[in-house]
Amino acid sequence: MKEIFRDNSWYFVGFGFVLIFAMGIWTQVEQLDPLYFFSERRSGWLNHLFIYATMLGEPLSFVLAFIVFLFIKYRYALLVAAAGAFTLFISWGLKVLFQSARPGLVIRDSGIMDQFVFIEGVEMNVGFTSFPSGHTFAAFTIFTLIALLSTHKNWWAICCLVLATAVAISRMYLLHHFLADVIAGAVIGTSIAVILYWMQEYVILRRHPKLERKLHLRFMRKVT
């Protein structure tokens, strides 16, 4: 496990700074304060930016990564598929367990809707599925995996961390989650990615060497 953190120090040091910064804010503010902050800074280009950013935490990211990794190693593609399944079921299970009210529900029931600026076309979720943030969970799972699997550790690490963090911010900007929700999603998602990566790298690989093959080699064999 130490080798994973050593070989991917750029990603995990960056993640540590982001986490410490977020935790520092969380301990100093009230629950709705970060949402007020983003609501007061609404603008057209930011609205579009975060609407698109939040899509990176949806299942399509796992599907695209799965297809890409089929052409690199079957093992990696299966890892992405397993990560997607774990993310789905763990996120759903935690939401059912905690039954935490969404920001939209809290804002509505508190009678303070007039204090927020809402984005046209973005529906306000008013259910009890706030903790943890599923989009943030998914984003940190898939982008942590991509960072771990990349051969260009430094720049890919930065790009992956920025994209995952953008998803986390988008969930608060769009008034879908509280800061605590996205912090939990980031920590759990990163942890799941590291555990699954460790398992396939140091356990499954030794038992299933055929998983080192890749899709285009099969096509080449058929042609020749």
C-alpha atoms as a PDB file:
ATOM      1  CA  MET A   1       0.000   0.000   0.000  1.00  0.00           C
ATOM      2  CA  LYS A   2       2.886   2.388   0.736  1.00  0.00           C
ATOM      3  CA  GLU A   3       4.096   2.032  -2.849  1.00  0.00           C
ATOM      4  CA  ILE A   4       0.782   3.355  -4.157  1.00  0.00           C
ATOM      5  CA  PHE A   5       1.042   6.559  -2.118  1.00  0.00           C
ATOM      6  CA  ARG A   6       4.748   6.960  -2.904  1.00  0.00           C
ATOM      7  CA  ASP A   7       4.335   6.500  -6.655  1.00  0.00           C
ATOM      8  CA  ASN A   8       1.335   8.842  -6.756  1.00  0.00           C
ATOM      9  CA  SER A   9       2.560  11.458  -4.297  1.00  0.00           C
ATOM     10  CA  TRP A  10       1.464  14.390  -6.467  1.00  0.00           C
ATOM     11  CA  TYR A  11      -2.138  13.268  -6.415  1.00  0.00           C
ATOM     12  CA  PHE A  12      -2.335  12.394  -2.739  1.00  0.00           C
ATOM     13  CA  VAL A  13      -0.455  15.475  -1.546  1.00  0.00           C
ATOM     14  CA  GLY A  14      -2.800  17.612  -3.630  1.00  0.00           C
ATOM     15  CA  PHE A  15      -5.804  15.721  -2.312  1.00  0.00           C
ATOM     16  CA  GLY A  16      -4.533  16.239   1.221  1.00  0.00           C
ATOM     17  CA  PHE A  17      -4.332  20.006   0.736  1.00  0.00           C
ATOM     18  CA  VAL A  18      -7.838  20.116  -0.765  1.00  0.00           C
ATOM     19  CA  LEU A  19      -9.233  18.004   2.070  1.00  0.00           C
ATOM     20  CA  ILE A  20      -7.558  20.040   4.812  1.00  0.00           C
ATOM     21  CA  PHE A  21      -8.797  23.274   3.238  1.00  0.00           C
ATOM     22  CA  ALA A  22     -12.356  21.941   2.969  1.00  0.00           C
ATOM     23  CA  MET A  23     -12.321  20.560   6.503  1.00  0.00           C
ATOM     24  CA  GLY A  24     -11.018  23.861   7.807  1.00  0.00           C
ATOM     25  CA  ILE A  25     -13.936  25.710   6.219  1.00  0.00           C
ATOM     26  CA  TRP A  26     -16.435  23.101   7.429  1.00  0.00           C
ATOM     27  CA  THR A  27     -15.360  23.540  11.058  1.00  0.00           C
ATOM     28  CA  GLN A  28     -15.693  27.323  10.905  1.00  0.00           C
ATOM     29  CA  VAL A  29     -18.996  27.928   9.114  1.00  0.00           C
ATOM     30  CA  GLU A  30     -22.665  27.128   9.451  1.00  0.00           C
ATOM     31  CA  GLN A  31     -24.253  24.472   7.231  1.00  0.00           C
ATOM     32  CA  LEU A  32     -25.785  26.910   4.746  1.00  0.00           C
ATOM     33  CA  ASP A  33     -22.886  29.384   4.609  1.00  0.00           C
ATOM     34  CA  PRO A  34     -21.056  27.785   1.632  1.00  0.00           C
ATOM     35  CA  LEU A  35     -24.341  27.701  -0.296  1.00  0.00           C
ATOM     36  CA  TYR A  36     -24.911  31.388   0.426  1.00  0.00           C
ATOM     37  CA  PHE A  37     -21.380  32.052  -0.791  1.00  0.00           C
ATOM     38  CA  PHE A  38     -21.966  30.419  -4.162  1.00  0.00           C
ATOM     39  CA  SER A  39     -25.484  31.791  -4.528  1.00  0.00           C
ATOM     40  CA  GLU A  40     -24.184  35.339  -4.160  1.00  0.00           C
ATOM     41  CA  ARG A  41     -21.654  34.759  -6.933  1.00  0.00           C
ATOM     42  CA  ARG A  42     -23.952  33.436  -9.641  1.00  0.00           C
ATOM     43  CA  SER A  43     -23.003  34.336 -13.208  1.00  0.00           C
ATOM     44  CA  GLY A  44     -23.896  32.993 -16.635  1.00  0.00           C
ATOM     45  CA  TRP A  45     -20.536  31.400 -17.434  1.00  0.00           C
ATOM     46  CA  LEU A  46     -20.159  29.878 -13.960  1.00  0.00           C
ATOM     47  CA  ASN A  47     -23.654  28.421 -14.206  1.00  0.00           C
ATOM     48  CA  HIS A  48     -22.769  26.663 -17.460  1.00  0.00           C
ATOM     49  CA  LEU A  49     -19.352  25.608 -16.168  1.00  0.00           C
ATOM     50  CA  PHE A  50     -20.701  23.854 -13.095  1.00  0.00           C
ATOM     51  CA  ILE A  51     -23.705  22.357 -14.864  1.00  0.00           C
ATOM     52  CA  TYR A  52     -21.274  20.602 -17.200  1.00  0.00           C
ATOM     53  CA  ALA A  53     -18.771  19.879 -14.425  1.00  0.00           C
ATOM     54  CA  THR A  54     -21.350  18.002 -12.375  1.00  0.00           C
ATOM     55  CA  MET A  55     -21.906  15.627 -15.336  1.00  0.00           C
ATOM     56  CA  LEU A  56     -18.384  14.268 -14.785  1.00  0.00           C
ATOM     57  CA  GLY A  57     -19.730  12.539 -11.685  1.00  0.00           C
ATOM     58  CA  GLU A  58     -22.361  10.598 -13.619  1.00  0.00           C
ATOM     59  CA  PRO A  59     -22.226   6.968 -14.890  1.00  0.00           C
ATOM     60  CA  LEU A  60     -21.131   8.052 -18.373  1.00  0.00           C
ATOM     61  CA  SER A  61     -17.647   8.790 -16.996  1.00  0.00           C
ATOM     62  CA  PHE A  62     -17.291   5.157 -15.922  1.00  0.00           C
ATOM     63  CA  VAL A  63     -18.631   3.906 -19.260  1.00  0.00           C
ATOM     64  CA  LEU A  64     -16.179   6.011 -21.267  1.00  0.00           C
ATOM     65  CA  ALA A  65     -13.262   5.047 -19.018  1.00  0.00           C
ATOM     66  CA  PHE A  66     -14.224   1.371 -19.341  1.00  0.00           C
ATOM     67  CA  ILE A  67     -14.181   1.577 -23.141  1.00  0.00           C
ATOM     68  CA  VAL A  68     -10.847   3.407 -23.215  1.00  0.00           C
ATOM     69  CA  PHE A  69      -9.163   0.965 -20.841  1.00  0.00           C
ATOM     70  CA  LEU A  70     -10.329  -2.000 -22.921  1.00  0.00           C
ATOM     71  CA  PHE A  71      -7.722  -0.842 -25.432  1.00  0.00           C
ATOM     72  CA  ILE A  72      -5.035  -0.627 -22.748  1.00  0.00           C
ATOM     73  CA  LYS A  73      -5.598  -3.629 -20.470  1.00  0.00           C
ATOM     74  CA  TYR A  74      -8.631  -5.771 -19.724  1.00  0.00           C
ATOM     75  CA  ARG A  75      -7.588  -5.668 -16.089  1.00  0.00           C
ATOM     76  CA  TYR A  76      -7.979  -1.905 -15.975  1.00  0.00           C
ATOM     77  CA  ALA A  77     -11.348  -1.997 -17.714  1.00  0.00           C
ATOM     78  CA  LEU A  78     -12.641  -4.558 -15.216  1.00  0.00           C
ATOM     79  CA  LEU A  79     -11.301  -2.404 -12.399  1.00  0.00           C
ATOM     80  CA  VAL A  80     -13.317   0.568 -13.671  1.00  0.00           C
ATOM     81  CA  ALA A  81     -16.440  -1.606 -13.956  1.00  0.00           C
ATOM     82  CA  ALA A  82     -15.980  -2.899 -10.416  1.00  0.00           C
ATOM     83  CA  ALA A  83     -15.412   0.631  -9.141  1.00  0.00           C
ATOM     84  CA  GLY A  84     -18.616   1.789 -10.805  1.00  0.00           C
ATOM     85  CA  ALA A  85     -20.602  -1.017  -9.191  1.00  0.00           C
ATOM     86  CA  PHE A  86     -19.103  -0.391  -5.744  1.00  0.00           C
ATOM     87  CA  THR A  87     -19.743   3.337  -6.052  1.00  0.00           C
ATOM     88  CA  LEU A  88     -23.380   2.795  -6.980  1.00  0.00           C
ATOM     89  CA  PHE A  89     -24.230   0.379  -4.180  1.00  0.00           C
ATOM     90  CA  ILE A  90     -22.180   1.999  -1.408  1.00  0.00           C
ATOM     91  CA  SER A  91     -23.486   5.467  -2.227  1.00  0.00           C
ATOM     92  CA  TRP A  92     -27.070   4.213  -2.332  1.00  0.00           C
ATOM     93  CA  GLY A  93     -26.632   2.287   0.912  1.00  0.00           C
ATOM     94  CA  LEU A  94     -25.203   5.276   2.774  1.00  0.00           C
ATOM     95  CA  LYS A  95     -27.955   7.561   1.530  1.00  0.00           C
ATOM     96  CA  VAL A  96     -30.586   5.105   2.758  1.00  0.00           C
ATOM     97  CA  LEU A  97     -28.765   4.732   6.074  1.00  0.00           C
ATOM     98  CA  PHE A  98     -28.374   8.426   6.873  1.00  0.00           C
ATOM     99  CA  GLN A  99     -31.598   9.781   5.303  1.00  0.00           C
ATOM    100  CA  SER A 100     -30.110  13.273   5.316  1.00  0.00           C
ATOM    101  CA  ALA A 101     -32.218  16.176   4.026  1.00  0.00           C
ATOM    102  CA  ARG A 102     -31.104  17.857   0.815  1.00  0.00           C
ATOM    103  CA  PRO A 103     -30.289  21.591   0.859  1.00  0.00           C
ATOM    104  CA  GLY A 104     -33.403  22.278  -1.208  1.00  0.00           C
ATOM    105  CA  LEU A 105     -35.591  20.736   1.473  1.00  0.00           C
ATOM    106  CA  VAL A 106     -33.838  22.622   4.261  1.00  0.00           C
ATOM    107  CA  ILE A 107     -34.091  25.917   2.382  1.00  0.00           C
ATOM    108  CA  ARG A 108     -37.762  25.397   1.547  1.00  0.00           C
ATOM    109  CA  ASP A 109     -38.828  24.320   5.023  1.00  0.00           C
ATOM    110  CA  SER A 110     -36.853  27.150   6.621  1.00  0.00           C
ATOM    111  CA  GLY A 111     -38.738  29.704   4.540  1.00  0.00           C
ATOM    112  CA  ILE A 112     -35.572  31.312   3.185  1.00  0.00           C
ATOM    113  CA  MET A 113     -35.921  30.580  -0.522  1.00  0.00           C
ATOM    114  CA  ASP A 114     -35.936  34.308  -1.256  1.00  0.00           C
ATOM    115  CA  GLN A 115     -32.381  34.518   0.095  1.00  0.00           C
ATOM    116  CA  PHE A 116     -30.979  32.341  -2.682  1.00  0.00           C
ATOM    117  CA  VAL A 117     -30.461  32.849  -6.388  1.00  0.00           C
ATOM    118  CA  PHE A 118     -31.571  29.766  -8.314  1.00  0.00           C
ATOM    119  CA  ILE A 119     -30.397  28.677 -11.753  1.00  0.00           C
ATOM    120  CA  GLU A 120     -33.018  28.434 -14.456  1.00  0.00           C
ATOM    121  CA  GLY A 121     -33.484  24.860 -15.625  1.00  0.00           C
ATOM    122  CA  VAL A 122     -31.799  23.294 -12.564  1.00  0.00           C
ATOM    123  CA  GLU A 123     -34.365  21.507 -10.420  1.00  0.00           C
ATOM    124  CA  MET A 124     -34.007  21.725  -6.656  1.00  0.00           C
ATOM    125  CA  ASN A 125     -33.843  18.288  -5.042  1.00  0.00           C
ATOM    126  CA  VAL A 126     -35.967  18.149  -1.882  1.00  0.00           C
ATOM    127  CA  GLY A 127     -35.477  14.521  -0.846  1.00  0.00           C
ATOM    128  CA  PHE A 128     -33.589  12.812   1.966  1.00  0.00           C
ATOM    129  CA  THR A 129     -30.560  11.663  -0.059  1.00  0.00           C
ATOM    130  CA  SER A 130     -28.006  14.335   0.731  1.00  0.00           C
ATOM    131  CA  PHE A 131     -25.272  12.426   2.588  1.00  0.00           C
ATOM    132  CA  PRO A 132     -22.924  11.582   1.006  1.00  0.00           C
ATOM    133  CA  SER A 133     -22.756  13.324  -2.377  1.00  0.00           C
ATOM    134  CA  GLY A 134     -23.046  10.544  -4.951  1.00  0.00           C
ATOM    135  CA  HIS A 135     -21.635  12.657  -7.781  1.00  0.00           C
ATOM    136  CA  THR A 136     -18.603  13.616  -5.688  1.00  0.00           C
ATOM    137  CA  PHE A 137     -18.208  10.001  -4.590  1.00  0.00           C
ATOM    138  CA  ALA A 138     -18.245   8.831  -8.214  1.00  0.00           C
ATOM    139  CA  ALA A 139     -15.957  11.603  -9.462  1.00  0.00           C
ATOM    140  CA  PHE A 140     -13.243  10.952  -6.893  1.00  0.00           C
ATOM    141  CA  THR A 141     -13.500   7.207  -7.472  1.00  0.00           C
ATOM    142  CA  ILE A 142     -13.059   7.350 -11.248  1.00  0.00           C
ATOM    143  CA  PHE A 143     -10.543  10.200 -11.382  1.00  0.00           C
ATOM    144  CA  THR A 144      -8.436   8.721  -8.588  1.00  0.00           C
ATOM    145  CA  LEU A 145      -8.335   5.467 -10.546  1.00  0.00           C
ATOM    146  CA  ILE A 146      -7.327   7.259 -13.736  1.00  0.00           C
ATOM    147  CA  ALA A 147      -4.552   9.046 -11.843  1.00  0.00           C
ATOM    148  CA  LEU A 148      -3.321   5.761 -10.352  1.00  0.00           C
ATOM    149  CA  LEU A 149      -3.408   3.944 -13.689  1.00  0.00           C
ATOM    150  CA  SER A 150      -1.736   6.736 -15.647  1.00  0.00           C
ATOM    151  CA  THR A 151       1.926   6.423 -16.624  1.00  0.00           C
ATOM    152  CA  HIS A 152       2.288  10.222 -16.566  1.00  0.00           C
ATOM    153  CA  LYS A 153       1.824  10.629 -12.835  1.00  0.00           C
ATOM    154  CA  ASN A 154       2.424  14.352 -12.369  1.00  0.00           C
ATOM    155  CA  TRP A 155       0.281  16.150 -14.916  1.00  0.00           C
ATOM    156  CA  TRP A 156      -2.461  13.526 -15.005  1.00  0.00           C
ATOM    157  CA  ALA A 157      -2.615  13.711 -11.206  1.00  0.00           C
ATOM    158  CA  ILE A 158      -3.217  17.449 -11.307  1.00  0.00           C
ATOM    159  CA  CYS A 159      -5.819  17.203 -14.080  1.00  0.00           C
ATOM    160  CA  CYS A 160      -7.714  14.382 -12.365  1.00  0.00           C
ATOM    161  CA  LEU A 161      -7.722  16.147  -9.005  1.00  0.00           C
ATOM    162  CA  VAL A 162      -8.944  19.409 -10.566  1.00  0.00           C
ATOM    163  CA  LEU A 163     -11.778  17.643 -12.393  1.00  0.00           C
ATOM    164  CA  ALA A 164     -12.897  15.702  -9.307  1.00  0.00           C
ATOM    165  CA  THR A 165     -12.762  18.854  -7.176  1.00  0.00           C
ATOM    166  CA  ALA A 166     -14.785  20.729  -9.795  1.00  0.00           C
ATOM    167  CA  VAL A 167     -17.530  18.135  -9.451  1.00  0.00           C
ATOM    168  CA  ALA A 168     -17.513  18.554  -5.671  1.00  0.00           C
ATOM    169  CA  ILE A 169     -17.806  22.339  -5.967  1.00  0.00           C
ATOM    170  CA  SER A 170     -20.549  22.021  -8.569  1.00  0.00           C
ATOM    171  CA  ARG A 171     -22.727  20.061  -6.170  1.00  0.00           C
ATOM    172  CA  MET A 172     -22.720  22.975  -3.731  1.00  0.00           C
ATOM    173  CA  TYR A 173     -22.931  25.623  -6.449  1.00  0.00           C
ATOM    174  CA  LEU A 174     -26.068  23.951  -7.830  1.00  0.00           C
ATOM    175  CA  LEU A 175     -27.527  23.723  -4.286  1.00  0.00           C
ATOM    176  CA  HIS A 176     -27.689  19.924  -4.385  1.00  0.00           C
ATOM    177  CA  HIS A 177     -25.383  19.182  -1.439  1.00  0.00           C
ATOM    178  CA  PHE A 178     -23.817  20.602   1.696  1.00  0.00           C
ATOM    179  CA  LEU A 179     -20.068  20.862   2.255  1.00  0.00           C
ATOM    180  CA  ALA A 180     -20.112  17.855   4.601  1.00  0.00           C
ATOM    181  CA  ASP A 181     -21.726  15.769   1.859  1.00  0.00           C
ATOM    182  CA  VAL A 182     -19.014  16.477  -0.687  1.00  0.00           C
ATOM    183  CA  ILE A 183     -16.190  16.005   1.829  1.00  0.00           C
ATOM    184  CA  ALA A 184     -17.572  12.579   2.713  1.00  0.00           C
ATOM    185  CA  GLY A 185     -18.031  11.697  -0.957  1.00  0.00           C
ATOM    186  CA  ALA A 186     -14.448  12.695  -1.765  1.00  0.00           C
ATOM    187  CA  VAL A 187     -12.923  10.725   1.115  1.00  0.00           C
ATOM    188  CA  ILE A 188     -14.992   7.579   0.536  1.00  0.00           C
ATOM    189  CA  GLY A 189     -14.557   7.679  -3.236  1.00  0.00           C
ATOM    190  CA  THR A 190     -10.787   8.092  -2.994  1.00  0.00           C
ATOM    191  CA  SER A 191     -10.574   5.294  -0.419  1.00  0.00           C
ATOM    192  CA  ILE A 192     -12.592   2.905  -2.584  1.00  0.00           C
ATOM    193  CA  ALA A 193     -10.388   3.687  -5.593  1.00  0.00           C
ATOM    194  CA  VAL A 194      -7.178   3.026  -3.651  1.00  0.00           C
ATOM    195  CA  ILE A 195      -8.447  -0.239  -2.172  1.00  0.00           C
ATOM    196  CA  LEU A 196      -9.673  -1.582  -5.517  1.00  0.00           C
ATOM    197  CA  TYR A 197      -6.461  -0.509  -7.260  1.00  0.00           C
ATOM    198  CA  TRP A 198      -4.386  -2.249  -4.609  1.00  0.00           C
ATOM    199  CA  MET A 199      -6.426  -5.433  -4.955  1.00  0.00           C
ATOM    200  CA  GLN A 200      -6.080  -5.658  -8.743  1.00  0.00           C
ATOM    201  CA  GLU A 201      -2.429  -4.627  -8.733  1.00  0.00           C
ATOM    202  CA  TYR A 202      -1.139  -6.943  -6.031  1.00  0.00           C
ATOM    203  CA  VAL A 203      -3.703  -9.756  -5.803  1.00  0.00           C
ATOM    204  CA  ILE A 204      -5.764 -10.333  -8.943  1.00  0.00           C
ATOM    205  CA  LEU A 205      -2.895  -9.763 -11.372  1.00  0.00           C
ATOM    206  CA  ARG A 206      -0.918 -12.696 -10.052  1.00  0.00           C
ATOM    207  CA  ARG A 207      -3.883 -15.044 -10.407  1.00  0.00           C
ATOM    208  CA  HIS A 208      -5.168 -13.872 -13.799  1.00  0.00           C
ATOM    209  CA  PRO A 209      -2.279 -12.987 -16.144  1.00  0.00           C
ATOM    210  CA  LYS A 210      -4.611 -13.130 -19.169  1.00  0.00           C
ATOM    211  CA  LEU A 211      -6.148  -9.896 -18.015  1.00  0.00           C
ATOM    212  CA  GLU A 212      -3.002  -8.154 -19.275  1.00  0.00           C
ATOM    213  CA  ARG A 213      -4.328  -8.460 -22.830  1.00  0.00           C
ATOM    214  CA  LYS A 214      -6.013  -5.585 -24.628  1.00  0.00           C
ATOM    215  CA  LEU A 215      -8.798  -5.365 -27.150  1.00  0.00           C
ATOM    216  CA  HIS A 216      -6.943  -4.283 -30.286  1.00  0.00           C
ATOM    217  CA  LEU A 217      -4.490  -7.181 -30.031  1.00  0.00           C
ATOM    218  CA  ARG A 218      -7.372  -9.611 -30.430  1.00  0.00           C
ATOM    219  CA  PHE A 219      -8.426  -7.847 -33.627  1.00  0.00           C
ATOM    220  CA  MET A 220      -4.868  -7.946 -34.939  1.00  0.00           C
ATOM    221  CA  ARG A 221      -4.617 -11.685 -34.362  1.00  0.00           C
ATOM    222  CA  LYS A 222      -7.855 -12.262 -36.286  1.00  0.00           C
ATOM    223  CA  VAL A 223      -6.643 -10.157 -39.221  1.00  0.00           C
ATOM    224  CA  THR A 224      -3.275 -11.906 -39.419  1.00  0.00           C
END
